[in-house]
PDB file of all heavy atoms in Angstrom:
ATOM      1  N   VAL A   1      31.538  -4.599 -13.351  1.00  0.00           N
ATOM      2  CA  VAL A   1      30.115  -4.823 -13.671  1.00  0.00           C
ATOM      3  C   VAL A   1      29.699  -6.207 -13.183  1.00  0.00           C
ATOM      4  O   VAL A   1      28.608  -6.386 -12.635  1.00  0.00           O
ATOM      5  CB  VAL A   1      29.849  -4.666 -15.189  1.00  0.00           C
ATOM      6  CG1 VAL A   1      28.393  -4.978 -15.521  1.00  0.00           C
ATOM      7  CG2 VAL A   1      30.202  -3.254 -15.648  1.00  0.00           C
ATOM      8  N   GLU A   2      30.591  -7.194 -13.323  1.00  0.00           N
ATOM      9  CA  GLU A   2      30.291  -8.535 -12.786  1.00  0.00           C
ATOM     10  C   GLU A   2      30.033  -8.436 -11.291  1.00  0.00           C
ATOM     11  O   GLU A   2      29.093  -9.030 -10.768  1.00  0.00           O
ATOM     12  CB  GLU A   2      31.467  -9.493 -13.032  1.00  0.00           C
ATOM     13  CG  GLU A   2      31.657  -9.889 -14.491  1.00  0.00           C
ATOM     14  CD  GLU A   2      32.943 -10.694 -14.692  1.00  0.00           C
ATOM     15  OE1 GLU A   2      33.203 -11.615 -13.879  1.00  0.00           O
ATOM     16  OE2 GLU A   2      33.673 -10.389 -15.649  1.00  0.00           O
ATOM     17  N   LEU A   3      30.868  -7.683 -10.582  1.00  0.00           N
ATOM     18  CA  LEU A   3      30.707  -7.540  -9.135  1.00  0.00           C
ATOM     19  C   LEU A   3      29.333  -6.952  -8.800  1.00  0.00           C
ATOM     20  O   LEU A   3      28.642  -7.421  -7.900  1.00  0.00           O
ATOM     21  CB  LEU A   3      31.807  -6.631  -8.568  1.00  0.00           C
ATOM     22  CG  LEU A   3      31.640  -6.229  -7.091  1.00  0.00           C
ATOM     23  CD1 LEU A   3      31.806  -7.438  -6.176  1.00  0.00           C
ATOM     24  CD2 LEU A   3      32.639  -5.151  -6.699  1.00  0.00           C
ATOM     25  N   MET A   4      28.932  -5.921  -9.556  1.00  0.00           N
ATOM     26  CA  MET A   4      27.674  -5.229  -9.257  1.00  0.00           C
ATOM     27  C   MET A   4      26.449  -6.087  -9.581  1.00  0.00           C
ATOM     28  O   MET A   4      25.367  -5.845  -9.064  1.00  0.00           O
ATOM     29  CB  MET A   4      27.598  -3.916 -10.063  1.00  0.00           C
ATOM     30  CG  MET A   4      28.536  -2.835  -9.562  1.00  0.00           C
ATOM     31  SD  MET A   4      27.994  -2.125  -8.003  1.00  0.00           S
ATOM     32  CE  MET A   4      29.221  -2.709  -6.911  1.00  0.00           C
ATOM     33  N   THR A   5      26.612  -7.073 -10.478  1.00  0.00           N
ATOM     34  CA  THR A   5      25.418  -7.776 -10.970  1.00  0.00           C
ATOM     35  C   THR A   5      25.398  -9.278 -10.661  1.00  0.00           C
ATOM     36  O   THR A   5      24.436  -9.946 -10.982  1.00  0.00           O
ATOM     37  CB  THR A   5      25.287  -7.589 -12.502  1.00  0.00           C
ATOM     38  OG1 THR A   5      26.487  -8.063 -13.135  1.00  0.00           O
ATOM     39  CG2 THR A   5      25.087  -6.125 -12.865  1.00  0.00           C
ATOM     40  N   THR A   6      26.450  -9.803 -10.003  1.00  0.00           N
ATOM     41  CA  THR A   6      26.502 -11.261  -9.789  1.00  0.00           C
ATOM     42  C   THR A   6      25.532 -11.715  -8.693  1.00  0.00           C
ATOM     43  O   THR A   6      25.181 -10.950  -7.795  1.00  0.00           O
ATOM     44  CB  THR A   6      27.930 -11.723  -9.427  1.00  0.00           C
ATOM     45  OG1 THR A   6      27.921 -13.134  -9.320  1.00  0.00           O
ATOM     46  CG2 THR A   6      28.414 -11.121  -8.119  1.00  0.00           C
ATOM     47  N   PHE A   7      25.119 -12.993  -8.789  1.00  0.00           N
ATOM     48  CA  PHE A   7      24.284 -13.590  -7.730  1.00  0.00           C
ATOM     49  C   PHE A   7      25.065 -14.658  -6.971  1.00  0.00           C
ATOM     50  O   PHE A   7      24.521 -15.377  -6.160  1.00  0.00           O
ATOM     51  CB  PHE A   7      23.013 -14.223  -8.343  1.00  0.00           C
ATOM     52  CG  PHE A   7      22.056 -13.191  -8.855  1.00  0.00           C
ATOM     53  CD1 PHE A   7      21.937 -12.945 -10.219  1.00  0.00           C
ATOM     54  CD2 PHE A   7      21.279 -12.440  -7.971  1.00  0.00           C
ATOM     55  CE1 PHE A   7      21.063 -11.970 -10.689  1.00  0.00           C
ATOM     56  CE2 PHE A   7      20.402 -11.467  -8.436  1.00  0.00           C
ATOM     57  CZ  PHE A   7      20.299 -11.223  -9.797  1.00  0.00           C
ATOM     58  N   ASP A   8      26.369 -14.759  -7.249  1.00  0.00           N
ATOM     59  CA  ASP A   8      27.202 -15.785  -6.625  1.00  0.00           C
ATOM     60  C   ASP A   8      27.983 -15.139  -5.486  1.00  0.00           C
ATOM     61  O   ASP A   8      28.870 -14.316  -5.708  1.00  0.00           O
ATOM     62  CB  ASP A   8      28.138 -16.359  -7.706  1.00  0.00           C
ATOM     63  CG  ASP A   8      29.117 -17.391  -7.141  1.00  0.00           C
ATOM     64  OD1 ASP A   8      29.403 -17.352  -5.920  1.00  0.00           O
ATOM     65  OD2 ASP A   8      29.604 -18.217  -7.927  1.00  0.00           O
ATOM     66  N   ASP A   9      27.648 -15.519  -4.243  1.00  0.00           N
ATOM     67  CA  ASP A   9      28.204 -14.831  -3.077  1.00  0.00           C
ATOM     68  C   ASP A   9      29.727 -14.973  -2.979  1.00  0.00           C
ATOM     69  O   ASP A   9      30.434 -14.002  -2.733  1.00  0.00           O
ATOM     70  CB  ASP A   9      27.550 -15.365  -1.797  1.00  0.00           C
ATOM     71  CG  ASP A   9      27.868 -14.465  -0.610  1.00  0.00           C
ATOM     72  OD1 ASP A   9      27.485 -13.275  -0.657  1.00  0.00           O
ATOM     73  OD2 ASP A   9      28.536 -14.921   0.332  1.00  0.00           O
ATOM     74  N   ALA A  10      30.245 -16.181  -3.205  1.00  0.00           N
ATOM     75  CA  ALA A  10      31.690 -16.404  -3.095  1.00  0.00           C
ATOM     76  C   ALA A  10      32.435 -15.595  -4.156  1.00  0.00           C
ATOM     77  O   ALA A  10      33.480 -14.987  -3.885  1.00  0.00           O
ATOM     78  CB  ALA A  10      32.006 -17.894  -3.247  1.00  0.00           C
ATOM     79  N   TYR A  11      31.870 -15.560  -5.368  1.00  0.00           N
ATOM     80  CA  TYR A  11      32.484 -14.806  -6.462  1.00  0.00           C
ATOM     81  C   TYR A  11      32.464 -13.306  -6.145  1.00  0.00           C
ATOM     82  O   TYR A  11      33.429 -12.573  -6.392  1.00  0.00           O
ATOM     83  CB  TYR A  11      31.742 -15.114  -7.766  1.00  0.00           C
ATOM     84  CG  TYR A  11      32.366 -14.536  -9.014  1.00  0.00           C
ATOM     85  CD1 TYR A  11      33.745 -14.599  -9.220  1.00  0.00           C
ATOM     86  CD2 TYR A  11      31.579 -13.929 -10.003  1.00  0.00           C
ATOM     87  CE1 TYR A  11      34.323 -14.070 -10.369  1.00  0.00           C
ATOM     88  CE2 TYR A  11      32.145 -13.399 -11.155  1.00  0.00           C
ATOM     89  CZ  TYR A  11      33.517 -13.470 -11.327  1.00  0.00           C
ATOM     90  OH  TYR A  11      34.089 -12.943 -12.459  1.00  0.00           O
ATOM     91  N   ALA A  12      31.347 -12.845  -5.559  1.00  0.00           N
ATOM     92  CA  ALA A  12      31.213 -11.431  -5.193  1.00  0.00           C
ATOM     93  C   ALA A  12      32.284 -11.047  -4.170  1.00  0.00           C
ATOM     94  O   ALA A  12      32.921  -9.998  -4.274  1.00  0.00           O
ATOM     95  CB  ALA A  12      29.823 -11.156  -4.624  1.00  0.00           C
ATOM     96  N   ARG A  13      32.506 -11.945  -3.190  1.00  0.00           N
ATOM     97  CA  ARG A  13      33.512 -11.657  -2.159  1.00  0.00           C
ATOM     98  C   ARG A  13      34.897 -11.538  -2.797  1.00  0.00           C
ATOM     99  O   ARG A  13      35.659 -10.621  -2.504  1.00  0.00           O
ATOM    100  CB  ARG A  13      33.516 -12.745  -1.084  1.00  0.00           C
ATOM    101  CG  ARG A  13      34.526 -12.439   0.029  1.00  0.00           C
ATOM    102  CD  ARG A  13      34.666 -13.514   1.094  1.00  0.00           C
ATOM    103  NE  ARG A  13      33.395 -13.739   1.772  1.00  0.00           N
ATOM    104  CZ  ARG A  13      32.763 -14.921   1.769  1.00  0.00           C
ATOM    105  NH1 ARG A  13      33.280 -15.962   1.155  1.00  0.00           N
ATOM    106  NH2 ARG A  13      31.616 -15.066   2.399  1.00  0.00           N
ATOM    107  N   GLU A  14      35.188 -12.483  -3.690  1.00  0.00           N
ATOM    108  CA  GLU A  14      36.492 -12.523  -4.351  1.00  0.00           C
ATOM    109  C   GLU A  14      36.711 -11.263  -5.205  1.00  0.00           C
ATOM    110  O   GLU A  14      37.786 -10.646  -5.163  1.00  0.00           O
ATOM    111  CB  GLU A  14      36.519 -13.782  -5.233  1.00  0.00           C
ATOM    112  CG  GLU A  14      37.806 -14.054  -5.964  1.00  0.00           C
ATOM    113  CD  GLU A  14      37.584 -15.162  -7.014  1.00  0.00           C
ATOM    114  OE1 GLU A  14      36.868 -16.150  -6.706  1.00  0.00           O
ATOM    115  OE2 GLU A  14      38.099 -15.003  -8.129  1.00  0.00           O
ATOM    116  N   LEU A  15      35.672 -10.840  -5.938  1.00  0.00           N
ATOM    117  CA  LEU A  15      35.797  -9.640  -6.785  1.00  0.00           C
ATOM    118  C   LEU A  15      35.958  -8.379  -5.929  1.00  0.00           C
ATOM    119  O   LEU A  15      36.722  -7.479  -6.281  1.00  0.00           O
ATOM    120  CB  LEU A  15      34.574  -9.500  -7.699  1.00  0.00           C
ATOM    121  CG  LEU A  15      34.539 -10.395  -8.943  1.00  0.00           C
ATOM    122  CD1 LEU A  15      33.182 -10.292  -9.634  1.00  0.00           C
ATOM    123  CD2 LEU A  15      35.636 -10.004  -9.937  1.00  0.00           C
ATOM    124  N   ALA A  16      35.232  -8.313  -4.808  1.00  0.00           N
ATOM    125  CA  ALA A  16      35.329  -7.129  -3.933  1.00  0.00           C
ATOM    126  C   ALA A  16      36.749  -7.011  -3.381  1.00  0.00           C
ATOM    127  O   ALA A  16      37.328  -5.930  -3.330  1.00  0.00           O
ATOM    128  CB  ALA A  16      34.313  -7.220  -2.800  1.00  0.00           C
ATOM    129  N   GLN A  17      37.328  -8.165  -2.968  1.00  0.00           N
ATOM    130  CA  GLN A  17      38.723  -8.201  -2.501  1.00  0.00           C
ATOM    131  C   GLN A  17      39.644  -7.663  -3.582  1.00  0.00           C
ATOM    132  O   GLN A  17      40.528  -6.856  -3.328  1.00  0.00           O
ATOM    133  CB  GLN A  17      39.170  -9.644  -2.238  1.00  0.00           C
ATOM    134  CG  GLN A  17      38.953 -10.255  -0.876  1.00  0.00           C
ATOM    135  CD  GLN A  17      39.145  -9.366   0.340  1.00  0.00           C
ATOM    136  OE1 GLN A  17      38.254  -9.331   1.139  1.00  0.00           O
ATOM    137  NE2 GLN A  17      40.270  -8.676   0.513  1.00  0.00           N
ATOM    138  N   LYS A  18      39.391  -8.136  -4.806  1.00  0.00           N
ATOM    139  CA  LYS A  18      40.246  -7.758  -5.938  1.00  0.00           C
ATOM    140  C   LYS A  18      40.183  -6.242  -6.158  1.00  0.00           C
ATOM    141  O   LYS A  18      41.200  -5.579  -6.346  1.00  0.00           O
ATOM    142  CB  LYS A  18      39.793  -8.515  -7.193  1.00  0.00           C
ATOM    143  CG  LYS A  18      40.612  -8.177  -8.424  1.00  0.00           C
ATOM    144  CD  LYS A  18      40.166  -8.961  -9.648  1.00  0.00           C
ATOM    145  CE  LYS A  18      40.819  -8.390 -10.896  1.00  0.00           C
ATOM    146  NZ  LYS A  18      40.462  -9.113 -12.115  1.00  0.00           N
ATOM    147  N   LEU A  19      38.967  -5.679  -6.106  1.00  0.00           N
ATOM    148  CA  LEU A  19      38.815  -4.231  -6.311  1.00  0.00           C
ATOM    149  C   LEU A  19      39.511  -3.452  -5.200  1.00  0.00           C
ATOM    150  O   LEU A  19      40.098  -2.389  -5.445  1.00  0.00           O
ATOM    151  CB  LEU A  19      37.329  -3.842  -6.367  1.00  0.00           C
ATOM    152  CG  LEU A  19      36.830  -3.511  -7.770  1.00  0.00           C
ATOM    153  CD1 LEU A  19      36.843  -4.744  -8.656  1.00  0.00           C
ATOM    154  CD2 LEU A  19      35.436  -2.905  -7.739  1.00  0.00           C
ATOM    155  N   ASP A  20      39.454  -3.996  -3.978  1.00  0.00           N
ATOM    156  CA  ASP A  20      40.091  -3.315  -2.854  1.00  0.00           C
ATOM    157  C   ASP A  20      41.617  -3.326  -3.028  1.00  0.00           C
ATOM    158  O   ASP A  20      42.298  -2.324  -2.797  1.00  0.00           O
ATOM    159  CB  ASP A  20      39.703  -4.008  -1.545  1.00  0.00           C
ATOM    160  CG  ASP A  20      40.094  -3.166  -0.334  1.00  0.00           C
ATOM    161  OD1 ASP A  20      39.836  -1.945  -0.361  1.00  0.00           O
ATOM    162  OD2 ASP A  20      40.664  -3.713   0.620  1.00  0.00           O
ATOM    163  N   GLU A  21      42.157  -4.485  -3.468  1.00  0.00           N
ATOM    164  CA  GLU A  21      43.609  -4.578  -3.695  1.00  0.00           C
ATOM    165  C   GLU A  21      44.043  -3.621  -4.805  1.00  0.00           C
ATOM    166  O   GLU A  21      45.071  -2.950  -4.698  1.00  0.00           O
ATOM    167  CB  GLU A  21      43.988  -6.019  -4.080  1.00  0.00           C
ATOM    168  CG  GLU A  21      44.041  -6.958  -2.883  1.00  0.00           C
ATOM    169  CD  GLU A  21      43.938  -8.432  -3.292  1.00  0.00           C
ATOM    170  OE1 GLU A  21      44.264  -8.760  -4.450  1.00  0.00           O
ATOM    171  OE2 GLU A  21      43.510  -9.243  -2.445  1.00  0.00           O
ATOM    172  N   ILE A  22      43.238  -3.582  -5.887  1.00  0.00           N
ATOM    173  CA  ILE A  22      43.573  -2.676  -6.995  1.00  0.00           C
ATOM    174  C   ILE A  22      43.568  -1.228  -6.506  1.00  0.00           C
ATOM    175  O   ILE A  22      44.423  -0.425  -6.876  1.00  0.00           O
ATOM    176  CB  ILE A  22      42.578  -2.857  -8.169  1.00  0.00           C
ATOM    177  CG1 ILE A  22      42.809  -4.214  -8.845  1.00  0.00           C
ATOM    178  CG2 ILE A  22      42.720  -1.729  -9.193  1.00  0.00           C
ATOM    179  CD1 ILE A  22      41.780  -4.579  -9.896  1.00  0.00           C
ATOM    180  N   ASN A  23      42.614  -0.903  -5.608  1.00  0.00           N
ATOM    181  CA  ASN A  23      42.541   0.475  -5.101  1.00  0.00           C
ATOM    182  C   ASN A  23      43.765   0.802  -4.250  1.00  0.00           C
ATOM    183  O   ASN A  23      44.297   1.916  -4.315  1.00  0.00           O
ATOM    184  CB  ASN A  23      41.262   0.681  -4.287  1.00  0.00           C
ATOM    185  CG  ASN A  23      41.049   2.139  -3.931  1.00  0.00           C
ATOM    186  OD1 ASN A  23      41.149   3.017  -4.789  1.00  0.00           O
ATOM    187  ND2 ASN A  23      40.783   2.422  -2.674  1.00  0.00           N
ATOM    188  N   ASN A  24      44.244  -0.178  -3.455  1.00  0.00           N
ATOM    189  CA  ASN A  24      45.460   0.053  -2.658  1.00  0.00           C
ATOM    190  C   ASN A  24      46.673   0.241  -3.559  1.00  0.00           C
ATOM    191  O   ASN A  24      47.532   1.082  -3.301  1.00  0.00           O
ATOM    192  CB  ASN A  24      45.696  -1.109  -1.690  1.00  0.00           C
ATOM    193  CG  ASN A  24      44.698  -1.077  -0.543  1.00  0.00           C
ATOM    194  OD1 ASN A  24      44.197  -0.010  -0.183  1.00  0.00           O
ATOM    195  ND2 ASN A  24      44.365  -2.230   0.003  1.00  0.00           N
ATOM    196  N   GLU A  25      46.704  -0.546  -4.630  1.00  0.00           N
ATOM    197  CA  GLU A  25      47.790  -0.419  -5.607  1.00  0.00           C
ATOM    198  C   GLU A  25      47.727   0.971  -6.250  1.00  0.00           C
ATOM    199  O   GLU A  25      48.740   1.652  -6.412  1.00  0.00           O
ATOM    200  CB  GLU A  25      47.588  -1.510  -6.666  1.00  0.00           C
ATOM    201  CG  GLU A  25      48.744  -1.711  -7.607  1.00  0.00           C
ATOM    202  CD  GLU A  25      48.385  -2.731  -8.702  1.00  0.00           C
ATOM    203  OE1 GLU A  25      47.568  -3.652  -8.453  1.00  0.00           O
ATOM    204  OE2 GLU A  25      48.907  -2.585  -9.808  1.00  0.00           O
ATOM    205  N   ARG A  26      46.504   1.400  -6.577  1.00  0.00           N
ATOM    206  CA  ARG A  26      46.302   2.723  -7.178  1.00  0.00           C
ATOM    207  C   ARG A  26      46.816   3.812  -6.235  1.00  0.00           C
ATOM    208  O   ARG A  26      47.521   4.736  -6.655  1.00  0.00           O
ATOM    209  CB  ARG A  26      44.794   2.912  -7.455  1.00  0.00           C
ATOM    210  CG  ARG A  26      44.416   4.146  -8.223  1.00  0.00           C
ATOM    211  CD  ARG A  26      43.889   5.319  -7.454  1.00  0.00           C
ATOM    212  NE  ARG A  26      43.055   5.098  -6.320  1.00  0.00           N
ATOM    213  CZ  ARG A  26      42.943   5.971  -5.337  1.00  0.00           C
ATOM    214  NH1 ARG A  26      43.661   7.073  -5.335  1.00  0.00           N
ATOM    215  NH2 ARG A  26      42.149   5.743  -4.312  1.00  0.00           N
ATOM    216  N   LYS A  27      46.501   3.694  -4.944  1.00  0.00           N
ATOM    217  CA  LYS A  27      46.960   4.695  -3.969  1.00  0.00           C
ATOM    218  C   LYS A  27      48.482   4.770  -3.938  1.00  0.00           C
ATOM    219  O   LYS A  27      49.063   5.853  -3.884  1.00  0.00           O
ATOM    220  CB  LYS A  27      46.460   4.340  -2.565  1.00  0.00           C
ATOM    221  CG  LYS A  27      45.018   4.700  -2.299  1.00  0.00           C
ATOM    222  CD  LYS A  27      44.733   4.480  -0.820  1.00  0.00           C
ATOM    223  CE  LYS A  27      43.255   4.264  -0.569  1.00  0.00           C
ATOM    224  NZ  LYS A  27      42.998   3.655   0.738  1.00  0.00           N
ATOM    225  N   ALA A  28      49.127   3.585  -3.948  1.00  0.00           N
ATOM    226  CA  ALA A  28      50.590   3.548  -3.882  1.00  0.00           C
ATOM    227  C   ALA A  28      51.204   4.202  -5.116  1.00  0.00           C
ATOM    228  O   ALA A  28      52.167   4.969  -5.023  1.00  0.00           O
ATOM    229  CB  ALA A  28      51.057   2.098  -3.754  1.00  0.00           C
ATOM    230  N   ILE A  29      50.617   3.901  -6.290  1.00  0.00           N
ATOM    231  CA  ILE A  29      51.132   4.487  -7.542  1.00  0.00           C
ATOM    232  C   ILE A  29      50.968   6.012  -7.499  1.00  0.00           C
ATOM    233  O   ILE A  29      51.882   6.764  -7.846  1.00  0.00           O
ATOM    234  CB  ILE A  29      50.391   3.891  -8.764  1.00  0.00           C
ATOM    235  CG1 ILE A  29      50.743   2.403  -8.919  1.00  0.00           C
ATOM    236  CG2 ILE A  29      50.741   4.644 -10.048  1.00  0.00           C
ATOM    237  CD1 ILE A  29      49.914   1.661  -9.950  1.00  0.00           C
ATOM    238  N   VAL A  30      49.794   6.463  -7.045  1.00  0.00           N
ATOM    239  CA  VAL A  30      49.533   7.909  -6.968  1.00  0.00           C
ATOM    240  C   VAL A  30      50.552   8.576  -6.046  1.00  0.00           C
ATOM    241  O   VAL A  30      51.108   9.626  -6.360  1.00  0.00           O
ATOM    242  CB  VAL A  30      48.094   8.190  -6.468  1.00  0.00           C
ATOM    243  CG1 VAL A  30      47.933   9.651  -6.068  1.00  0.00           C
ATOM    244  CG2 VAL A  30      47.082   7.830  -7.545  1.00  0.00           C
ATOM    245  N   GLN A  31      50.830   7.930  -4.911  1.00  0.00           N
ATOM    246  CA  GLN A  31      51.761   8.515  -3.942  1.00  0.00           C
ATOM    247  C   GLN A  31      53.164   8.657  -4.547  1.00  0.00           C
ATOM    248  O   GLN A  31      53.811   9.699  -4.435  1.00  0.00           O
ATOM    249  CB  GLN A  31      51.809   7.634  -2.693  1.00  0.00           C
ATOM    250  CG  GLN A  31      52.287   8.400  -1.481  1.00  0.00           C
ATOM    251  CD  GLN A  31      52.219   7.550  -0.219  1.00  0.00           C
ATOM    252  OE1 GLN A  31      51.716   6.441  -0.222  1.00  0.00           O
ATOM    253  NE2 GLN A  31      52.739   8.091   0.868  1.00  0.00           N
ATOM    254  N   THR A  32      53.610   7.590  -5.234  1.00  0.00           N
ATOM    255  CA  THR A  32      54.939   7.614  -5.862  1.00  0.00           C
ATOM    256  C   THR A  32      55.032   8.718  -6.904  1.00  0.00           C
ATOM    257  O   THR A  32      55.974   9.509  -6.926  1.00  0.00           O
ATOM    258  CB  THR A  32      55.228   6.251  -6.541  1.00  0.00           C
ATOM    259  OG1 THR A  32      55.028   5.237  -5.566  1.00  0.00           O
ATOM    260  CG2 THR A  32      56.652   6.175  -7.053  1.00  0.00           C
ATOM    261  N   ILE A  33      54.023   8.766  -7.796  1.00  0.00           N
ATOM    262  CA  ILE A  33      54.081   9.751  -8.894  1.00  0.00           C
ATOM    263  C   ILE A  33      53.959  11.175  -8.339  1.00  0.00           C
ATOM    264  O   ILE A  33      54.645  12.088  -8.794  1.00  0.00           O
ATOM    265  CB  ILE A  33      52.985   9.473  -9.955  1.00  0.00           C
ATOM    266  CG1 ILE A  33      53.183   8.077 -10.564  1.00  0.00           C
ATOM    267  CG2 ILE A  33      53.021  10.529 -11.062  1.00  0.00           C
ATOM    268  CD1 ILE A  33      52.151   7.685 -11.597  1.00  0.00           C
ATOM    269  N   THR A  34      53.101  11.351  -7.321  1.00  0.00           N
ATOM    270  CA  THR A  34      52.951  12.689  -6.726  1.00  0.00           C
ATOM    271  C   THR A  34      54.292  13.163  -6.166  1.00  0.00           C
ATOM    272  O   THR A  34      54.673  14.319  -6.329  1.00  0.00           O
ATOM    273  CB  THR A  34      51.877  12.683  -5.609  1.00  0.00           C
ATOM    274  OG1 THR A  34      50.643  12.235  -6.170  1.00  0.00           O
ATOM    275  CG2 THR A  34      51.666  14.070  -5.026  1.00  0.00           C
ATOM    276  N   GLN A  35      55.025  12.246  -5.530  1.00  0.00           N
ATOM    277  CA  GLN A  35      56.336  12.584  -4.971  1.00  0.00           C
ATOM    278  C   GLN A  35      57.321  12.946  -6.087  1.00  0.00           C
ATOM    279  O   GLN A  35      58.025  13.954  -6.006  1.00  0.00           O
ATOM    280  CB  GLN A  35      56.869  11.385  -4.157  1.00  0.00           C
ATOM    281  CG  GLN A  35      58.077  11.708  -3.313  1.00  0.00           C
ATOM    282  CD  GLN A  35      57.926  12.974  -2.484  1.00  0.00           C
ATOM    283  OE1 GLN A  35      57.022  13.082  -1.665  1.00  0.00           O
ATOM    284  NE2 GLN A  35      58.778  13.978  -2.709  1.00  0.00           N
ATOM    285  N   GLU A  36      57.318  12.135  -7.160  1.00  0.00           N
ATOM    286  CA  GLU A  36      58.229  12.415  -8.283  1.00  0.00           C
ATOM    287  C   GLU A  36      57.870  13.748  -8.943  1.00  0.00           C
ATOM    288  O   GLU A  36      58.744  14.522  -9.337  1.00  0.00           O
ATOM    289  CB  GLU A  36      58.169  11.274  -9.314  1.00  0.00           C
ATOM    290  CG  GLU A  36      58.814   9.991  -8.807  1.00  0.00           C
ATOM    291  CD  GLU A  36      58.692   8.827  -9.798  1.00  0.00           C
ATOM    292  OE1 GLU A  36      58.266   9.056 -10.957  1.00  0.00           O
ATOM    293  OE2 GLU A  36      59.020   7.695  -9.421  1.00  0.00           O
ATOM    294  N   ALA A  37      56.570  14.012  -9.053  1.00  0.00           N
ATOM    295  CA  ALA A  37      56.120  15.268  -9.662  1.00  0.00           C
ATOM    296  C   ALA A  37      56.542  16.458  -8.792  1.00  0.00           C
ATOM    297  O   ALA A  37      56.982  17.491  -9.300  1.00  0.00           O
ATOM    298  CB  ALA A  37      54.604  15.257  -9.849  1.00  0.00           C
ATOM    299  N   ALA A  38      56.441  16.293  -7.465  1.00  0.00           N
ATOM    300  CA  ALA A  38      56.810  17.379  -6.537  1.00  0.00           C
ATOM    301  C   ALA A  38      58.279  17.753  -6.699  1.00  0.00           C
ATOM    302  O   ALA A  38      58.656  18.921  -6.592  1.00  0.00           O
ATOM    303  CB  ALA A  38      56.533  16.951  -5.098  1.00  0.00           C
ATOM    304  N   ASP A  39      59.124  16.756  -7.011  1.00  0.00           N
ATOM    305  CA  ASP A  39      60.552  17.031  -7.183  1.00  0.00           C
ATOM    306  C   ASP A  39      60.843  17.796  -8.470  1.00  0.00           C
ATOM    307  O   ASP A  39      61.938  18.313  -8.657  1.00  0.00           O
ATOM    308  CB  ASP A  39      61.348  15.712  -7.193  1.00  0.00           C
ATOM    309  CG  ASP A  39      61.269  15.012  -5.833  1.00  0.00           C
ATOM    310  OD1 ASP A  39      60.956  15.696  -4.844  1.00  0.00           O
ATOM    311  OD2 ASP A  39      61.492  13.786  -5.778  1.00  0.00           O
TER     312      ASP A  39
END
């Protein structure tokens, strides 16, 4: 919500990076669990 509503450009960039990293982490976790579930 801070990302969507902030007026601070540097902070917005930093939060967007953070969300992107979290999404990559999420993808990796999903891939691992999907593989374990398939077994």
